[in-house]
Amino acid sequence: MTHQTDEPHRLMLLPPWRRDPRVKVMGDYLRERFRRNNHTKYHKYCDEWINNITLDQLGYFIEEKRRIYSGVVLK
């Protein structure tokens, strides 16, 4: 008997943003941003913070990253 994976089912249990391919692309940026903006004693919470980001927050960080790399000054 072969073991069948329930990977598609497991993916459906993830929040919608976790299924979004932009999250993988943004992961390094979000980690860098978290570590740069938080005291070192909080760095252990970085992955938890990323896992709890909402789609609206993800959209904000995507826009922020786009502006930074295009040279637009953030206000």
Foldseek 3Di string as FASTA:
>chain_A
DDDDDPVVVVVVPQPPVVVPPVLVVCVVVQLVVDVVPDDPVCSVCSVVVSSPDDPVNSVVVVVVVVCVVVVHDDD
